[in-house]
Amino acid sequence: LLMGAVDIVVVLASVMLIGGLGWYFFGR
């Protein structure tokens, strides 16, 4: 269960980072 929670946190942080980089480089 702990490993699953860590995996979820890593995936969410990665998605947020990728989204932020996309907004920074391709935003208006």
mmCIF file of all heavy atoms, coordinates in Angstrom:
data_MODEL
# 
_entry.id   MODEL 
# 
loop_
_atom_site.group_PDB 
_atom_site.id 
_atom_site.type_symbol 
_atom_site.label_atom_id 
_atom_site.label_alt_id 
_atom_site.label_comp_id 
_atom_site.label_asym_id 
_atom_site.label_entity_id 
_atom_site.label_seq_id 
_atom_site.pdbx_PDB_ins_code 
_atom_site.Cartn_x 
_atom_site.Cartn_y 
_atom_site.Cartn_z 
_atom_site.occupancy 
_atom_site.B_iso_or_equiv 
_atom_site.pdbx_formal_charge 
_atom_site.auth_seq_id 
_atom_site.auth_comp_id 
_atom_site.auth_asym_id 
_atom_site.auth_atom_id 
_atom_site.pdbx_PDB_model_num 
ATOM 1   N N   . LEU A 1 1  ? 0.827  -1.191 0.000   1.00 0.00 ? 1  LEU A N   1 
ATOM 2   C CA  . LEU A 1 1  ? 0.000  0.000  0.000   1.00 0.00 ? 1  LEU A CA  1 
ATOM 3   C C   . LEU A 1 1  ? 0.869  1.251  0.000   1.00 0.00 ? 1  LEU A C   1 
ATOM 4   O O   . LEU A 1 1  ? 0.594  2.201  -0.722  1.00 0.00 ? 1  LEU A O   1 
ATOM 5   C CB  . LEU A 1 1  ? -0.930 0.008  1.220   1.00 0.00 ? 1  LEU A CB  1 
ATOM 6   C CG  . LEU A 1 1  ? -1.890 1.191  1.329   1.00 0.00 ? 1  LEU A CG  1 
ATOM 7   C CD1 . LEU A 1 1  ? -2.826 1.227  0.130   1.00 0.00 ? 1  LEU A CD1 1 
ATOM 8   C CD2 . LEU A 1 1  ? -2.688 1.105  2.615   1.00 0.00 ? 1  LEU A CD2 1 
ATOM 9   N N   . LEU A 1 2  ? 1.941  1.249  0.777   1.00 0.00 ? 2  LEU A N   1 
ATOM 10  C CA  . LEU A 1 2  ? 2.846  2.392  0.817   1.00 0.00 ? 2  LEU A CA  1 
ATOM 11  C C   . LEU A 1 2  ? 3.489  2.614  -0.544  1.00 0.00 ? 2  LEU A C   1 
ATOM 12  O O   . LEU A 1 2  ? 3.580  3.729  -1.017  1.00 0.00 ? 2  LEU A O   1 
ATOM 13  C CB  . LEU A 1 2  ? 3.918  2.182  1.888   1.00 0.00 ? 2  LEU A CB  1 
ATOM 14  C CG  . LEU A 1 2  ? 4.974  3.293  1.998   1.00 0.00 ? 2  LEU A CG  1 
ATOM 15  C CD1 . LEU A 1 2  ? 4.303  4.606  2.376   1.00 0.00 ? 2  LEU A CD1 1 
ATOM 16  C CD2 . LEU A 1 2  ? 6.027  2.925  2.997   1.00 0.00 ? 2  LEU A CD2 1 
ATOM 17  N N   . MET A 1 3  ? 3.929  1.558  -1.196  1.00 0.00 ? 3  MET A N   1 
ATOM 18  C CA  . MET A 1 3  ? 4.548  1.684  -2.512  1.00 0.00 ? 3  MET A CA  1 
ATOM 19  C C   . MET A 1 3  ? 3.532  2.233  -3.506  1.00 0.00 ? 3  MET A C   1 
ATOM 20  O O   . MET A 1 3  ? 3.844  3.045  -4.343  1.00 0.00 ? 3  MET A O   1 
ATOM 21  C CB  . MET A 1 3  ? 5.099  0.337  -2.975  1.00 0.00 ? 3  MET A CB  1 
ATOM 22  C CG  . MET A 1 3  ? 5.827  0.426  -4.297  1.00 0.00 ? 3  MET A CG  1 
ATOM 23  S SD  . MET A 1 3  ? 7.162  1.624  -4.302  1.00 0.00 ? 3  MET A SD  1 
ATOM 24  C CE  . MET A 1 3  ? 8.503  0.577  -3.853  1.00 0.00 ? 3  MET A CE  1 
ATOM 25  N N   . GLY A 1 4  ? 2.300  1.805  -3.399  1.00 0.00 ? 4  GLY A N   1 
ATOM 26  C CA  . GLY A 1 4  ? 1.253  2.308  -4.290  1.00 0.00 ? 4  GLY A CA  1 
ATOM 27  C C   . GLY A 1 4  ? 1.031  3.794  -4.093  1.00 0.00 ? 4  GLY A C   1 
ATOM 28  O O   . GLY A 1 4  ? 0.860  4.540  -5.056  1.00 0.00 ? 4  GLY A O   1 
ATOM 29  N N   . ALA A 1 5  ? 1.064  4.262  -2.850  1.00 0.00 ? 5  ALA A N   1 
ATOM 30  C CA  . ALA A 1 5  ? 0.873  5.683  -2.569  1.00 0.00 ? 5  ALA A CA  1 
ATOM 31  C C   . ALA A 1 5  ? 2.041  6.493  -3.104  1.00 0.00 ? 5  ALA A C   1 
ATOM 32  O O   . ALA A 1 5  ? 1.853  7.578  -3.678  1.00 0.00 ? 5  ALA A O   1 
ATOM 33  C CB  . ALA A 1 5  ? 0.716  5.897  -1.069  1.00 0.00 ? 5  ALA A CB  1 
ATOM 34  N N   . VAL A 1 6  ? 3.254  5.979  -2.957  1.00 0.00 ? 6  VAL A N   1 
ATOM 35  C CA  . VAL A 1 6  ? 4.430  6.669  -3.486  1.00 0.00 ? 6  VAL A CA  1 
ATOM 36  C C   . VAL A 1 6  ? 4.351  6.744  -5.010  1.00 0.00 ? 6  VAL A C   1 
ATOM 37  O O   . VAL A 1 6  ? 4.657  7.776  -5.609  1.00 0.00 ? 6  VAL A O   1 
ATOM 38  C CB  . VAL A 1 6  ? 5.728  5.967  -3.024  1.00 0.00 ? 6  VAL A CB  1 
ATOM 39  C CG1 . VAL A 1 6  ? 6.941  6.525  -3.733  1.00 0.00 ? 6  VAL A CG1 1 
ATOM 40  C CG2 . VAL A 1 6  ? 5.891  6.080  -1.514  1.00 0.00 ? 6  VAL A CG2 1 
ATOM 41  N N   . ASP A 1 7  ? 3.930  5.657  -5.634  1.00 0.00 ? 7  ASP A N   1 
ATOM 42  C CA  . ASP A 1 7  ? 3.781  5.646  -7.090  1.00 0.00 ? 7  ASP A CA  1 
ATOM 43  C C   . ASP A 1 7  ? 2.784  6.707  -7.548  1.00 0.00 ? 7  ASP A C   1 
ATOM 44  O O   . ASP A 1 7  ? 3.023  7.419  -8.518  1.00 0.00 ? 7  ASP A O   1 
ATOM 45  C CB  . ASP A 1 7  ? 3.325  4.276  -7.588  1.00 0.00 ? 7  ASP A CB  1 
ATOM 46  C CG  . ASP A 1 7  ? 4.402  3.211  -7.452  1.00 0.00 ? 7  ASP A CG  1 
ATOM 47  O OD1 . ASP A 1 7  ? 5.589  3.585  -7.349  1.00 0.00 ? 7  ASP A OD1 1 
ATOM 48  O OD2 . ASP A 1 7  ? 4.049  2.014  -7.447  1.00 0.00 ? 7  ASP A OD2 1 
ATOM 49  N N   . ILE A 1 8  ? 1.668  6.817  -6.855  1.00 0.00 ? 8  ILE A N   1 
ATOM 50  C CA  . ILE A 1 8  ? 0.643  7.803  -7.210  1.00 0.00 ? 8  ILE A CA  1 
ATOM 51  C C   . ILE A 1 8  ? 1.189  9.222  -7.064  1.00 0.00 ? 8  ILE A C   1 
ATOM 52  O O   . ILE A 1 8  ? 0.985  10.069 -7.933  1.00 0.00 ? 8  ILE A O   1 
ATOM 53  C CB  . ILE A 1 8  ? -0.619 7.596  -6.348  1.00 0.00 ? 8  ILE A CB  1 
ATOM 54  C CG1 . ILE A 1 8  ? -1.307 6.289  -6.748  1.00 0.00 ? 8  ILE A CG1 1 
ATOM 55  C CG2 . ILE A 1 8  ? -1.572 8.771  -6.484  1.00 0.00 ? 8  ILE A CG2 1 
ATOM 56  C CD1 . ILE A 1 8  ? -2.434 5.873  -5.839  1.00 0.00 ? 8  ILE A CD1 1 
ATOM 57  N N   . VAL A 1 9  ? 1.921  9.486  -6.000  1.00 0.00 ? 9  VAL A N   1 
ATOM 58  C CA  . VAL A 1 9  ? 2.500  10.816 -5.784  1.00 0.00 ? 9  VAL A CA  1 
ATOM 59  C C   . VAL A 1 9  ? 3.489  11.149 -6.891  1.00 0.00 ? 9  VAL A C   1 
ATOM 60  O O   . VAL A 1 9  ? 3.497  12.258 -7.431  1.00 0.00 ? 9  VAL A O   1 
ATOM 61  C CB  . VAL A 1 9  ? 3.160  10.901 -4.392  1.00 0.00 ? 9  VAL A CB  1 
ATOM 62  C CG1 . VAL A 1 9  ? 3.989  12.156 -4.255  1.00 0.00 ? 9  VAL A CG1 1 
ATOM 63  C CG2 . VAL A 1 9  ? 2.101  10.823 -3.300  1.00 0.00 ? 9  VAL A CG2 1 
ATOM 64  N N   . VAL A 1 10 ? 4.325  10.193 -7.273  1.00 0.00 ? 10 VAL A N   1 
ATOM 65  C CA  . VAL A 1 10 ? 5.314  10.426 -8.334  1.00 0.00 ? 10 VAL A CA  1 
ATOM 66  C C   . VAL A 1 10 ? 4.619  10.697 -9.667  1.00 0.00 ? 10 VAL A C   1 
ATOM 67  O O   . VAL A 1 10 ? 4.996  11.610 -10.401 1.00 0.00 ? 10 VAL A O   1 
ATOM 68  C CB  . VAL A 1 10 ? 6.289  9.230  -8.439  1.00 0.00 ? 10 VAL A CB  1 
ATOM 69  C CG1 . VAL A 1 10 ? 7.139  9.315  -9.691  1.00 0.00 ? 10 VAL A CG1 1 
ATOM 70  C CG2 . VAL A 1 10 ? 7.167  9.157  -7.203  1.00 0.00 ? 10 VAL A CG2 1 
ATOM 71  N N   . VAL A 1 11 ? 3.592  9.929  -9.983  1.00 0.00 ? 11 VAL A N   1 
ATOM 72  C CA  . VAL A 1 11 ? 2.866  10.125 -11.242 1.00 0.00 ? 11 VAL A CA  1 
ATOM 73  C C   . VAL A 1 11 ? 2.180  11.490 -11.252 1.00 0.00 ? 11 VAL A C   1 
ATOM 74  O O   . VAL A 1 11 ? 2.256  12.229 -12.241 1.00 0.00 ? 11 VAL A O   1 
ATOM 75  C CB  . VAL A 1 11 ? 1.852  8.988  -11.481 1.00 0.00 ? 11 VAL A CB  1 
ATOM 76  C CG1 . VAL A 1 11 ? 0.907  9.326  -12.617 1.00 0.00 ? 11 VAL A CG1 1 
ATOM 77  C CG2 . VAL A 1 11 ? 2.578  7.682  -11.756 1.00 0.00 ? 11 VAL A CG2 1 
ATOM 78  N N   . LEU A 1 12 ? 1.522  11.874 -10.159 1.00 0.00 ? 12 LEU A N   1 
ATOM 79  C CA  . LEU A 1 12 ? 0.858  13.180 -10.102 1.00 0.00 ? 12 LEU A CA  1 
ATOM 80  C C   . LEU A 1 12 ? 1.858  14.323 -10.208 1.00 0.00 ? 12 LEU A C   1 
ATOM 81  O O   . LEU A 1 12 ? 1.617  15.309 -10.920 1.00 0.00 ? 12 LEU A O   1 
ATOM 82  C CB  . LEU A 1 12 ? 0.043  13.304 -8.819  1.00 0.00 ? 12 LEU A CB  1 
ATOM 83  C CG  . LEU A 1 12 ? -1.213 12.445 -8.741  1.00 0.00 ? 12 LEU A CG  1 
ATOM 84  C CD1 . LEU A 1 12 ? -1.868 12.583 -7.371  1.00 0.00 ? 12 LEU A CD1 1 
ATOM 85  C CD2 . LEU A 1 12 ? -2.185 12.824 -9.834  1.00 0.00 ? 12 LEU A CD2 1 
ATOM 86  N N   . ALA A 1 13 ? 2.994  14.213 -9.525  1.00 0.00 ? 13 ALA A N   1 
ATOM 87  C CA  . ALA A 1 13 ? 4.020  15.255 -9.608  1.00 0.00 ? 13 ALA A CA  1 
ATOM 88  C C   . ALA A 1 13 ? 4.568  15.353 -11.032 1.00 0.00 ? 13 ALA A C   1 
ATOM 89  O O   . ALA A 1 13 ? 4.799  16.456 -11.543 1.00 0.00 ? 13 ALA A O   1 
ATOM 90  C CB  . ALA A 1 13 ? 5.145  14.962 -8.619  1.00 0.00 ? 13 ALA A CB  1 
ATOM 91  N N   . SER A 1 14 ? 4.740  14.221 -11.692 1.00 0.00 ? 14 SER A N   1 
ATOM 92  C CA  . SER A 1 14 ? 5.237  14.220 -13.073 1.00 0.00 ? 14 SER A CA  1 
ATOM 93  C C   . SER A 1 14 ? 4.245  14.880 -14.019 1.00 0.00 ? 14 SER A C   1 
ATOM 94  O O   . SER A 1 14 ? 4.628  15.666 -14.884 1.00 0.00 ? 14 SER A O   1 
ATOM 95  C CB  . SER A 1 14 ? 5.512  12.787 -13.538 1.00 0.00 ? 14 SER A CB  1 
ATOM 96  O OG  . SER A 1 14 ? 6.484  12.185 -12.725 1.00 0.00 ? 14 SER A OG  1 
ATOM 97  N N   . VAL A 1 15 ? 2.979  14.565 -13.856 1.00 0.00 ? 15 VAL A N   1 
ATOM 98  C CA  . VAL A 1 15 ? 1.945  15.172 -14.699 1.00 0.00 ? 15 VAL A CA  1 
ATOM 99  C C   . VAL A 1 15 ? 1.897  16.679 -14.490 1.00 0.00 ? 15 VAL A C   1 
ATOM 100 O O   . VAL A 1 15 ? 1.802  17.445 -15.452 1.00 0.00 ? 15 VAL A O   1 
ATOM 101 C CB  . VAL A 1 15 ? 0.569  14.522 -14.422 1.00 0.00 ? 15 VAL A CB  1 
ATOM 102 C CG1 . VAL A 1 15 ? -0.562 15.317 -15.038 1.00 0.00 ? 15 VAL A CG1 1 
ATOM 103 C CG2 . VAL A 1 15 ? 0.558  13.091 -14.927 1.00 0.00 ? 15 VAL A CG2 1 
ATOM 104 N N   . MET A 1 16 ? 2.006  17.113 -13.241 1.00 0.00 ? 16 MET A N   1 
ATOM 105 C CA  . MET A 1 16 ? 1.987  18.553 -12.963 1.00 0.00 ? 16 MET A CA  1 
ATOM 106 C C   . MET A 1 16 ? 3.217  19.240 -13.558 1.00 0.00 ? 16 MET A C   1 
ATOM 107 O O   . MET A 1 16 ? 3.111  20.334 -14.118 1.00 0.00 ? 16 MET A O   1 
ATOM 108 C CB  . MET A 1 16 ? 1.908  18.787 -11.459 1.00 0.00 ? 16 MET A CB  1 
ATOM 109 C CG  . MET A 1 16 ? 0.558  18.430 -10.868 1.00 0.00 ? 16 MET A CG  1 
ATOM 110 S SD  . MET A 1 16 ? 0.470  18.535 -9.083  1.00 0.00 ? 16 MET A SD  1 
ATOM 111 C CE  . MET A 1 16 ? 1.036  20.172 -8.755  1.00 0.00 ? 16 MET A CE  1 
ATOM 112 N N   . LEU A 1 17 ? 4.376  18.618 -13.460 1.00 0.00 ? 17 LEU A N   1 
ATOM 113 C CA  . LEU A 1 17 ? 5.593  19.189 -14.018 1.00 0.00 ? 17 LEU A CA  1 
ATOM 114 C C   . LEU A 1 17 ? 5.518  19.290 -15.540 1.00 0.00 ? 17 LEU A C   1 
ATOM 115 O O   . LEU A 1 17 ? 5.847  20.329 -16.114 1.00 0.00 ? 17 LEU A O   1 
ATOM 116 C CB  . LEU A 1 17 ? 6.805  18.351 -13.614 1.00 0.00 ? 17 LEU A CB  1 
ATOM 117 C CG  . LEU A 1 17 ? 8.156  18.836 -14.136 1.00 0.00 ? 17 LEU A CG  1 
ATOM 118 C CD1 . LEU A 1 17 ? 8.477  20.214 -13.579 1.00 0.00 ? 17 LEU A CD1 1 
ATOM 119 C CD2 . LEU A 1 17 ? 9.241  17.855 -13.770 1.00 0.00 ? 17 LEU A CD2 1 
ATOM 120 N N   . ILE A 1 18 ? 5.044  18.249 -16.186 1.00 0.00 ? 18 ILE A N   1 
ATOM 121 C CA  . ILE A 1 18 ? 4.911  18.263 -17.643 1.00 0.00 ? 18 ILE A CA  1 
ATOM 122 C C   . ILE A 1 18 ? 3.896  19.312 -18.070 1.00 0.00 ? 18 ILE A C   1 
ATOM 123 O O   . ILE A 1 18 ? 4.109  20.050 -19.038 1.00 0.00 ? 18 ILE A O   1 
ATOM 124 C CB  . ILE A 1 18 ? 4.532  16.862 -18.170 1.00 0.00 ? 18 ILE A CB  1 
ATOM 125 C CG1 . ILE A 1 18 ? 5.724  15.914 -17.983 1.00 0.00 ? 18 ILE A CG1 1 
ATOM 126 C CG2 . ILE A 1 18 ? 4.108  16.909 -19.627 1.00 0.00 ? 18 ILE A CG2 1 
ATOM 127 C CD1 . ILE A 1 18 ? 5.402  14.458 -18.220 1.00 0.00 ? 18 ILE A CD1 1 
ATOM 128 N N   . GLY A 1 19 ? 2.781  19.407 -17.349 1.00 0.00 ? 19 GLY A N   1 
ATOM 129 C CA  . GLY A 1 19 ? 1.786  20.425 -17.663 1.00 0.00 ? 19 GLY A CA  1 
ATOM 130 C C   . GLY A 1 19 ? 2.338  21.832 -17.483 1.00 0.00 ? 19 GLY A C   1 
ATOM 131 O O   . GLY A 1 19 ? 2.095  22.717 -18.307 1.00 0.00 ? 19 GLY A O   1 
ATOM 132 N N   . GLY A 1 20 ? 3.095  22.057 -16.416 1.00 0.00 ? 20 GLY A N   1 
ATOM 133 C CA  . GLY A 1 20 ? 3.696  23.369 -16.189 1.00 0.00 ? 20 GLY A CA  1 
ATOM 134 C C   . GLY A 1 20 ? 4.697  23.743 -17.263 1.00 0.00 ? 20 GLY A C   1 
ATOM 135 O O   . GLY A 1 20 ? 4.738  24.886 -17.725 1.00 0.00 ? 20 GLY A O   1 
ATOM 136 N N   . LEU A 1 21 ? 5.508  22.784 -17.685 1.00 0.00 ? 21 LEU A N   1 
ATOM 137 C CA  . LEU A 1 21 ? 6.468  23.055 -18.759 1.00 0.00 ? 21 LEU A CA  1 
ATOM 138 C C   . LEU A 1 21 ? 5.749  23.343 -20.078 1.00 0.00 ? 21 LEU A C   1 
ATOM 139 O O   . LEU A 1 21 ? 6.150  24.231 -20.834 1.00 0.00 ? 21 LEU A O   1 
ATOM 140 C CB  . LEU A 1 21 ? 7.423  21.874 -18.925 1.00 0.00 ? 21 LEU A CB  1 
ATOM 141 C CG  . LEU A 1 21 ? 8.468  21.718 -17.829 1.00 0.00 ? 21 LEU A CG  1 
ATOM 142 C CD1 . LEU A 1 21 ? 9.212  20.398 -17.995 1.00 0.00 ? 21 LEU A CD1 1 
ATOM 143 C CD2 . LEU A 1 21 ? 9.438  22.881 -17.841 1.00 0.00 ? 21 LEU A CD2 1 
ATOM 144 N N   . GLY A 1 22 ? 4.698  22.608 -20.363 1.00 0.00 ? 22 GLY A N   1 
ATOM 145 C CA  . GLY A 1 22 ? 3.910  22.871 -21.572 1.00 0.00 ? 22 GLY A CA  1 
ATOM 146 C C   . GLY A 1 22 ? 3.296  24.252 -21.553 1.00 0.00 ? 22 GLY A C   1 
ATOM 147 O O   . GLY A 1 22 ? 3.311  24.972 -22.559 1.00 0.00 ? 22 GLY A O   1 
ATOM 148 N N   . TRP A 1 23 ? 2.751  24.645 -20.415 1.00 0.00 ? 23 TRP A N   1 
ATOM 149 C CA  . TRP A 1 23 ? 2.155  25.985 -20.289 1.00 0.00 ? 23 TRP A CA  1 
ATOM 150 C C   . TRP A 1 23 ? 3.221  27.063 -20.456 1.00 0.00 ? 23 TRP A C   1 
ATOM 151 O O   . TRP A 1 23 ? 3.002  28.057 -21.131 1.00 0.00 ? 23 TRP A O   1 
ATOM 152 C CB  . TRP A 1 23 ? 1.475  26.128 -18.928 1.00 0.00 ? 23 TRP A CB  1 
ATOM 153 C CG  . TRP A 1 23 ? 0.983  27.506 -18.658 1.00 0.00 ? 23 TRP A CG  1 
ATOM 154 C CD1 . TRP A 1 23 ? -0.150 28.089 -19.135 1.00 0.00 ? 23 TRP A CD1 1 
ATOM 155 C CD2 . TRP A 1 23 ? 1.634  28.500 -17.854 1.00 0.00 ? 23 TRP A CD2 1 
ATOM 156 N NE1 . TRP A 1 23 ? -0.240 29.371 -18.676 1.00 0.00 ? 23 TRP A NE1 1 
ATOM 157 C CE2 . TRP A 1 23 ? 0.837  29.653 -17.883 1.00 0.00 ? 23 TRP A CE2 1 
ATOM 158 C CE3 . TRP A 1 23 ? 2.812  28.505 -17.117 1.00 0.00 ? 23 TRP A CE3 1 
ATOM 159 C CZ2 . TRP A 1 23 ? 1.191  30.803 -17.200 1.00 0.00 ? 23 TRP A CZ2 1 
ATOM 160 C CZ3 . TRP A 1 23 ? 3.155  29.650 -16.449 1.00 0.00 ? 23 TRP A CZ3 1 
ATOM 161 C CH2 . TRP A 1 23 ? 2.345  30.786 -16.489 1.00 0.00 ? 23 TRP A CH2 1 
ATOM 162 N N   . TYR A 1 24 ? 4.396  26.850 -19.867 1.00 0.00 ? 24 TYR A N   1 
ATOM 163 C CA  . TYR A 1 24 ? 5.460  27.845 -19.931 1.00 0.00 ? 24 TYR A CA  1 
ATOM 164 C C   . TYR A 1 24 ? 5.960  28.044 -21.366 1.00 0.00 ? 24 TYR A C   1 
ATOM 165 O O   . TYR A 1 24 ? 6.146  29.166 -21.816 1.00 0.00 ? 24 TYR A O   1 
ATOM 166 C CB  . TYR A 1 24 ? 6.623  27.427 -19.025 1.00 0.00 ? 24 TYR A CB  1 
ATOM 167 C CG  . TYR A 1 24 ? 7.781  28.392 -19.052 1.00 0.00 ? 24 TYR A CG  1 
ATOM 168 C CD1 . TYR A 1 24 ? 7.727  29.581 -18.343 1.00 0.00 ? 24 TYR A CD1 1 
ATOM 169 C CD2 . TYR A 1 24 ? 8.923  28.117 -19.805 1.00 0.00 ? 24 TYR A CD2 1 
ATOM 170 C CE1 . TYR A 1 24 ? 8.784  30.475 -18.365 1.00 0.00 ? 24 TYR A CE1 1 
ATOM 171 C CE2 . TYR A 1 24 ? 9.987  29.011 -19.828 1.00 0.00 ? 24 TYR A CE2 1 
ATOM 172 C CZ  . TYR A 1 24 ? 9.912  30.183 -19.111 1.00 0.00 ? 24 TYR A CZ  1 
ATOM 173 O OH  . TYR A 1 24 ? 10.947 31.070 -19.144 1.00 0.00 ? 24 TYR A OH  1 
ATOM 174 N N   . PHE A 1 25 ? 6.180  26.941 -22.083 1.00 0.00 ? 25 PHE A N   1 
ATOM 175 C CA  . PHE A 1 25 ? 6.756  27.051 -23.414 1.00 0.00 ? 25 PHE A CA  1 
ATOM 176 C C   . PHE A 1 25 ? 5.724  27.296 -24.510 1.00 0.00 ? 25 PHE A C   1 
ATOM 177 O O   . PHE A 1 25 ? 6.043  27.911 -25.527 1.00 0.00 ? 25 PHE A O   1 
ATOM 178 C CB  . PHE A 1 25 ? 7.563  25.792 -23.750 1.00 0.00 ? 25 PHE A CB  1 
ATOM 179 C CG  . PHE A 1 25 ? 8.877  25.732 -23.032 1.00 0.00 ? 25 PHE A CG  1 
ATOM 180 C CD1 . PHE A 1 25 ? 9.080  24.816 -22.021 1.00 0.00 ? 25 PHE A CD1 1 
ATOM 181 C CD2 . PHE A 1 25 ? 9.900  26.603 -23.348 1.00 0.00 ? 25 PHE A CD2 1 
ATOM 182 C CE1 . PHE A 1 25 ? 10.292 24.756 -21.350 1.00 0.00 ? 25 PHE A CE1 1 
ATOM 183 C CE2 . PHE A 1 25 ? 11.109 26.566 -22.683 1.00 0.00 ? 25 PHE A CE2 1 
ATOM 184 C CZ  . PHE A 1 25 ? 11.302 25.639 -21.683 1.00 0.00 ? 25 PHE A CZ  1 
ATOM 185 N N   . PHE A 1 26 ? 4.494  26.822 -24.349 1.00 0.00 ? 26 PHE A N   1 
ATOM 186 C CA  . PHE A 1 26 ? 3.516  26.917 -25.424 1.00 0.00 ? 26 PHE A CA  1 
ATOM 187 C C   . PHE A 1 26 ? 2.303  27.778 -25.076 1.00 0.00 ? 26 PHE A C   1 
ATOM 188 O O   . PHE A 1 26 ? 1.371  27.870 -25.865 1.00 0.00 ? 26 PHE A O   1 
ATOM 189 C CB  . PHE A 1 26 ? 3.049  25.513 -25.831 1.00 0.00 ? 26 PHE A CB  1 
ATOM 190 C CG  . PHE A 1 26 ? 4.172  24.630 -26.277 1.00 0.00 ? 26 PHE A CG  1 
ATOM 191 C CD1 . PHE A 1 26 ? 4.538  23.526 -25.531 1.00 0.00 ? 26 PHE A CD1 1 
ATOM 192 C CD2 . PHE A 1 26 ? 4.875  24.915 -27.422 1.00 0.00 ? 26 PHE A CD2 1 
ATOM 193 C CE1 . PHE A 1 26 ? 5.582  22.701 -25.926 1.00 0.00 ? 26 PHE A CE1 1 
ATOM 194 C CE2 . PHE A 1 26 ? 5.931  24.109 -27.830 1.00 0.00 ? 26 PHE A CE2 1 
ATOM 195 C CZ  . PHE A 1 26 ? 6.277  23.000 -27.080 1.00 0.00 ? 26 PHE A CZ  1 
ATOM 196 N N   . GLY A 1 27 ? 2.317  28.404 -23.901 1.00 0.00 ? 27 GLY A N   1 
ATOM 197 C CA  . GLY A 1 27 ? 1.202  29.247 -23.497 1.00 0.00 ? 27 GLY A CA  1 
ATOM 198 C C   . GLY A 1 27 ? 1.172  30.550 -24.279 1.00 0.00 ? 27 GLY A C   1 
ATOM 199 O O   . GLY A 1 27 ? 2.099  30.898 -25.011 1.00 0.00 ? 27 GLY A O   1 
ATOM 200 N N   . ARG A 1 28 ? 0.088  31.266 -24.139 1.00 0.00 ? 28 ARG A N   1 
ATOM 201 C CA  . ARG A 1 28 ? -0.064 32.535 -24.845 1.00 0.00 ? 28 ARG A CA  1 
ATOM 202 C C   . ARG A 1 28 ? 0.905  33.563 -24.298 1.00 0.00 ? 28 ARG A C   1 
ATOM 203 O O   . ARG A 1 28 ? 1.161  33.636 -23.108 1.00 0.00 ? 28 ARG A O   1 
ATOM 204 C CB  . ARG A 1 28 ? -1.490 33.049 -24.690 1.00 0.00 ? 28 ARG A CB  1 
ATOM 205 C CG  . ARG A 1 28 ? -2.518 32.082 -25.250 1.00 0.00 ? 28 ARG A CG  1 
ATOM 206 C CD  . ARG A 1 28 ? -3.867 32.671 -25.178 1.00 0.00 ? 28 ARG A CD  1 
ATOM 207 N NE  . ARG A 1 28 ? -4.127 33.205 -26.512 1.00 0.00 ? 28 ARG A NE  1 
ATOM 208 C CZ  . ARG A 1 28 ? -5.169 33.933 -26.826 1.00 0.00 ? 28 ARG A CZ  1 
ATOM 209 N NH1 . ARG A 1 28 ? -6.044 34.251 -25.927 1.00 0.00 ? 28 ARG A NH1 1 
ATOM 210 N NH2 . ARG A 1 28 ? -5.329 34.353 -28.054 1.00 0.00 ? 28 ARG A NH2 1 
# 
